């Protein structure tokens, strides 16, 4: 599954659909229900990708809260990008997430 660029870090479609349903029911709060694909993490610009990753890590509904393993995989992809230097703050945020800081 790691080689599938459309994979959403192993997040089942059923969890994503359930997350969207939950987020839409919660009108009082803004919850995030999007999990980026591996390809998106590898190719999107920093300005486009940052809100997706921050939303997933910080504002997700319970069904799609990322695991430490998923965030480690995100970090690995970010570090291997040609423009990796632009993502240092996101990598640091991922690092803090997995350390639960």
N, C-alpha and C. Protein backbone atom coordinates (compact mmCIF):
# COMPACT_ATOMS: atom_id res chain seq x y z
N UNK A 1 0.81 -1.19 0.00
CA UNK A 1 0.00 0.00 0.00
C UNK A 1 0.86 1.27 0.00
N UNK A 2 2.06 1.20 0.53
CA UNK A 2 2.92 2.38 0.59
C UNK A 2 3.28 2.90 -0.79
N UNK A 3 3.25 2.06 -1.81
CA UNK A 3 3.61 2.49 -3.15
C UNK A 3 2.45 3.12 -3.91
N UNK A 4 1.23 2.97 -3.42
CA UNK A 4 0.06 3.51 -4.07
C UNK A 4 -0.03 5.01 -3.78
N UNK A 5 0.18 5.83 -4.78
CA UNK A 5 0.20 7.28 -4.60
C UNK A 5 -1.18 7.85 -4.24
N UNK A 6 -2.24 7.10 -4.51
CA UNK A 6 -3.58 7.57 -4.17
C UNK A 6 -4.02 7.11 -2.77
N UNK A 7 -3.18 6.31 -2.13
CA UNK A 7 -3.47 5.84 -0.78
C UNK A 7 -3.48 7.01 0.19
N UNK A 8 -4.39 6.99 1.11
CA UNK A 8 -4.51 8.04 2.13
C UNK A 8 -3.93 7.53 3.46
N UNK A 9 -2.69 7.05 3.37
CA UNK A 9 -1.93 6.57 4.52
C UNK A 9 -2.68 5.46 5.27
N UNK A 10 -3.30 4.59 4.47
CA UNK A 10 -3.98 3.43 5.05
C UNK A 10 -5.34 3.74 5.67
N UNK A 11 -5.81 4.96 5.55
CA UNK A 11 -7.10 5.33 6.12
C UNK A 11 -8.20 4.74 5.24
N UNK A 12 -9.05 3.91 5.81
CA UNK A 12 -10.12 3.30 5.01
C UNK A 12 -11.13 4.34 4.53
N UNK A 13 -11.66 4.13 3.34
CA UNK A 13 -12.69 5.03 2.80
C UNK A 13 -13.87 5.14 3.75
N UNK A 14 -14.21 4.03 4.40
CA UNK A 14 -15.35 4.05 5.32
C UNK A 14 -15.11 5.02 6.48
N UNK A 15 -13.88 5.11 6.95
CA UNK A 15 -13.56 6.05 8.03
C UNK A 15 -13.66 7.49 7.55
N UNK A 16 -13.21 7.73 6.33
CA UNK A 16 -13.27 9.09 5.78
C UNK A 16 -14.73 9.50 5.58
N UNK A 17 -15.55 8.59 5.07
CA UNK A 17 -16.98 8.90 4.89
C UNK A 17 -17.66 9.14 6.23
N UNK A 18 -17.34 8.33 7.21
CA UNK A 18 -17.91 8.52 8.55
C UNK A 18 -17.46 9.85 9.14
N UNK A 19 -16.21 10.22 8.91
CA UNK A 19 -15.69 11.49 9.42
C UNK A 19 -16.42 12.66 8.79
N UNK A 20 -16.65 12.57 7.49
CA UNK A 20 -17.37 13.65 6.80
C UNK A 20 -18.78 13.80 7.36
N UNK A 21 -19.42 12.68 7.59
CA UNK A 21 -20.78 12.69 8.15
C UNK A 21 -20.79 13.33 9.54
N UNK A 22 -19.84 12.94 10.37
CA UNK A 22 -19.74 13.50 11.72
C UNK A 22 -19.47 14.99 11.67
N UNK A 23 -18.54 15.40 10.82
CA UNK A 23 -18.17 16.82 10.72
C UNK A 23 -19.35 17.66 10.27
N UNK A 24 -20.14 17.15 9.35
CA UNK A 24 -21.29 17.91 8.85
C UNK A 24 -22.41 18.01 9.89
N UNK A 25 -22.50 17.04 10.78
CA UNK A 25 -23.51 17.09 11.85
C UNK A 25 -23.14 18.11 12.92
N UNK A 26 -21.86 18.36 13.08
CA UNK A 26 -21.36 19.27 14.11
C UNK A 26 -21.29 20.69 13.55
N UNK A 27 -22.39 21.35 13.44
CA UNK A 27 -22.43 22.69 12.83
C UNK A 27 -21.77 23.75 13.70
N UNK A 28 -21.69 23.49 14.99
CA UNK A 28 -21.14 24.47 15.93
C UNK A 28 -19.62 24.57 15.83
N UNK A 29 -18.98 23.50 15.40
CA UNK A 29 -17.52 23.45 15.34
C UNK A 29 -17.06 23.18 13.91
N UNK A 30 -15.85 23.61 13.61
CA UNK A 30 -15.28 23.32 12.29
C UNK A 30 -14.30 22.15 12.45
N UNK A 31 -14.71 21.00 11.96
CA UNK A 31 -13.86 19.82 12.00
C UNK A 31 -13.31 19.53 10.61
N UNK A 32 -12.15 18.95 10.59
CA UNK A 32 -11.48 18.59 9.35
C UNK A 32 -11.80 17.13 9.05
N UNK A 33 -12.11 16.83 7.80
CA UNK A 33 -12.40 15.43 7.45
C UNK A 33 -11.71 14.99 6.17
N UNK A 34 -10.60 15.66 5.84
CA UNK A 34 -9.86 15.30 4.64
C UNK A 34 -8.51 14.71 5.01
N UNK A 35 -8.19 13.58 4.41
CA UNK A 35 -6.88 12.95 4.59
C UNK A 35 -6.17 13.02 3.24
N UNK A 36 -5.02 13.69 3.18
CA UNK A 36 -4.32 13.81 1.89
C UNK A 36 -3.77 12.47 1.41
N UNK A 37 -3.61 12.37 0.10
CA UNK A 37 -2.99 11.17 -0.47
C UNK A 37 -1.47 11.31 -0.37
N UNK A 38 -0.80 10.21 -0.56
CA UNK A 38 0.67 10.23 -0.59
C UNK A 38 1.16 11.15 -1.72
N UNK A 39 0.49 11.09 -2.85
CA UNK A 39 0.87 11.93 -3.99
C UNK A 39 0.73 13.41 -3.63
N UNK A 40 -0.35 13.77 -2.95
CA UNK A 40 -0.54 15.16 -2.56
C UNK A 40 0.57 15.62 -1.62
N UNK A 41 0.94 14.78 -0.67
CA UNK A 41 2.02 15.13 0.26
C UNK A 41 3.34 15.29 -0.50
N UNK A 42 3.51 14.51 -1.54
CA UNK A 42 4.76 14.55 -2.31
C UNK A 42 4.81 15.68 -3.34
N UNK A 43 3.65 16.23 -3.72
CA UNK A 43 3.67 17.17 -4.85
C UNK A 43 3.04 18.53 -4.60
N UNK A 44 2.13 18.66 -3.67
CA UNK A 44 1.45 19.95 -3.48
C UNK A 44 2.41 21.00 -2.94
N UNK A 45 2.11 22.24 -3.24
CA UNK A 45 2.92 23.34 -2.71
C UNK A 45 2.74 23.43 -1.20
N UNK A 46 3.68 24.07 -0.56
CA UNK A 46 3.61 24.24 0.90
C UNK A 46 2.33 24.96 1.30
N UNK A 47 1.96 26.01 0.57
CA UNK A 47 0.78 26.79 0.92
C UNK A 47 -0.51 26.00 0.77
N UNK A 48 -0.54 25.05 -0.13
CA UNK A 48 -1.73 24.21 -0.31
C UNK A 48 -1.72 23.05 0.68
N UNK A 49 -0.56 22.46 0.88
CA UNK A 49 -0.46 21.26 1.72
C UNK A 49 -0.55 21.56 3.22
N UNK A 50 0.04 22.65 3.65
CA UNK A 50 0.08 22.95 5.09
C UNK A 50 -1.31 22.92 5.74
N UNK A 51 -2.33 23.60 5.19
CA UNK A 51 -3.64 23.56 5.84
C UNK A 51 -4.25 22.16 5.87
N UNK A 52 -3.95 21.35 4.86
CA UNK A 52 -4.47 19.98 4.84
C UNK A 52 -3.86 19.15 5.97
N UNK A 53 -2.54 19.23 6.11
CA UNK A 53 -1.87 18.45 7.16
C UNK A 53 -2.21 18.98 8.56
N UNK A 54 -2.23 20.29 8.71
CA UNK A 54 -2.56 20.86 10.02
C UNK A 54 -3.99 20.50 10.40
N UNK A 55 -4.90 20.60 9.44
CA UNK A 55 -6.29 20.22 9.71
C UNK A 55 -6.41 18.76 10.11
N UNK A 56 -5.69 17.90 9.40
CA UNK A 56 -5.75 16.46 9.71
C UNK A 56 -5.19 16.18 11.10
N UNK A 57 -4.08 16.80 11.44
CA UNK A 57 -3.45 16.55 12.74
C UNK A 57 -4.18 17.23 13.90
N UNK A 58 -4.71 18.41 13.66
CA UNK A 58 -5.20 19.23 14.78
C UNK A 58 -6.72 19.34 14.90
N UNK A 59 -7.44 19.16 13.80
CA UNK A 59 -8.89 19.41 13.84
C UNK A 59 -9.73 18.27 13.29
N UNK A 60 -9.19 17.07 13.27
CA UNK A 60 -9.93 15.93 12.72
C UNK A 60 -10.98 15.42 13.69
N UNK A 61 -12.03 14.87 13.10
CA UNK A 61 -12.98 14.14 13.92
C UNK A 61 -12.34 12.80 14.28
N UNK A 62 -12.90 12.16 15.27
CA UNK A 62 -12.28 10.96 15.85
C UNK A 62 -12.00 9.86 14.82
N UNK A 63 -12.85 9.73 13.83
CA UNK A 63 -12.71 8.63 12.87
C UNK A 63 -11.42 8.67 12.07
N UNK A 64 -10.80 9.84 11.95
CA UNK A 64 -9.61 9.94 11.09
C UNK A 64 -8.40 10.55 11.78
N UNK A 65 -8.39 10.60 13.08
CA UNK A 65 -7.22 11.14 13.79
C UNK A 65 -6.00 10.31 13.37
N UNK A 66 -4.95 10.98 12.89
CA UNK A 66 -3.80 10.22 12.40
C UNK A 66 -3.00 9.55 13.52
N UNK A 67 -2.48 8.39 13.19
CA UNK A 67 -1.62 7.67 14.12
C UNK A 67 -0.19 8.19 14.01
N UNK A 68 0.63 7.82 14.97
CA UNK A 68 2.05 8.19 14.91
C UNK A 68 2.69 7.62 13.65
N UNK A 69 2.34 6.39 13.31
CA UNK A 69 2.90 5.75 12.12
C UNK A 69 2.54 6.53 10.85
N UNK A 70 1.30 6.96 10.75
CA UNK A 70 0.89 7.73 9.57
C UNK A 70 1.67 9.04 9.47
N UNK A 71 1.85 9.72 10.59
CA UNK A 71 2.57 10.99 10.57
C UNK A 71 4.06 10.76 10.30
N UNK A 72 4.62 9.66 10.78
CA UNK A 72 6.01 9.32 10.43
C UNK A 72 6.15 9.14 8.92
N UNK A 73 5.15 8.51 8.30
CA UNK A 73 5.18 8.32 6.85
C UNK A 73 5.08 9.67 6.13
N UNK A 74 4.25 10.57 6.63
CA UNK A 74 4.15 11.91 6.06
C UNK A 74 5.52 12.60 6.15
N UNK A 75 6.14 12.53 7.33
CA UNK A 75 7.45 13.15 7.52
C UNK A 75 8.47 12.60 6.53
N UNK A 76 8.46 11.31 6.32
CA UNK A 76 9.40 10.68 5.39
C UNK A 76 9.22 11.22 3.98
N UNK A 77 7.98 11.35 3.55
CA UNK A 77 7.71 11.88 2.21
C UNK A 77 8.17 13.33 2.12
N UNK A 78 7.85 14.14 3.13
CA UNK A 78 8.24 15.55 3.12
C UNK A 78 9.76 15.70 3.09
N UNK A 79 10.46 14.90 3.85
CA UNK A 79 11.93 14.98 3.90
C UNK A 79 12.59 14.56 2.59
N UNK A 80 11.90 13.76 1.80
CA UNK A 80 12.46 13.28 0.54
C UNK A 80 12.06 14.11 -0.67
N UNK A 81 11.32 15.17 -0.45
CA UNK A 81 10.96 16.05 -1.55
C UNK A 81 12.17 16.86 -2.00
N UNK A 82 12.20 17.24 -3.26
CA UNK A 82 13.29 18.09 -3.76
C UNK A 82 13.30 19.44 -3.05
N UNK A 83 12.13 19.92 -2.70
CA UNK A 83 11.99 21.21 -2.03
C UNK A 83 11.78 21.04 -0.52
N UNK A 84 12.39 20.03 0.04
CA UNK A 84 12.19 19.68 1.45
C UNK A 84 12.46 20.84 2.41
N UNK A 85 13.39 21.70 2.07
CA UNK A 85 13.72 22.83 2.96
C UNK A 85 12.51 23.72 3.21
N UNK A 86 11.61 23.81 2.25
CA UNK A 86 10.40 24.63 2.41
C UNK A 86 9.43 24.04 3.42
N UNK A 87 9.61 22.78 3.76
CA UNK A 87 8.67 22.08 4.62
C UNK A 87 9.21 21.85 6.03
N UNK A 88 10.27 22.52 6.39
CA UNK A 88 10.90 22.28 7.70
C UNK A 88 9.94 22.55 8.86
N UNK A 89 9.11 23.58 8.76
CA UNK A 89 8.16 23.86 9.84
C UNK A 89 7.10 22.77 9.94
N UNK A 90 6.64 22.28 8.80
CA UNK A 90 5.67 21.18 8.82
C UNK A 90 6.29 19.91 9.38
N UNK A 91 7.53 19.64 9.01
CA UNK A 91 8.23 18.46 9.54
C UNK A 91 8.36 18.60 11.06
N UNK A 92 8.70 19.79 11.53
CA UNK A 92 8.78 20.01 12.98
C UNK A 92 7.44 19.80 13.66
N UNK A 93 6.38 20.26 13.02
CA UNK A 93 5.05 20.06 13.59
C UNK A 93 4.72 18.56 13.65
N UNK A 94 5.05 17.84 12.60
CA UNK A 94 4.84 16.39 12.60
C UNK A 94 5.63 15.73 13.72
N UNK A 95 6.87 16.16 13.88
CA UNK A 95 7.72 15.62 14.94
C UNK A 95 7.09 15.87 16.31
N UNK A 96 6.60 17.07 16.54
CA UNK A 96 5.93 17.38 17.81
C UNK A 96 4.67 16.56 17.99
N UNK A 97 3.95 16.32 16.90
CA UNK A 97 2.72 15.52 16.97
C UNK A 97 3.03 14.10 17.45
N UNK A 98 4.05 13.49 16.87
CA UNK A 98 4.34 12.11 17.25
C UNK A 98 4.92 12.01 18.66
N UNK A 99 5.51 13.10 19.13
CA UNK A 99 6.00 13.14 20.51
C UNK A 99 4.91 13.58 21.48
N UNK A 100 3.75 13.95 20.93
CA UNK A 100 2.60 14.43 21.71
C UNK A 100 2.93 15.71 22.47
N UNK A 101 3.68 16.60 21.83
CA UNK A 101 4.01 17.90 22.42
C UNK A 101 2.94 18.93 22.11
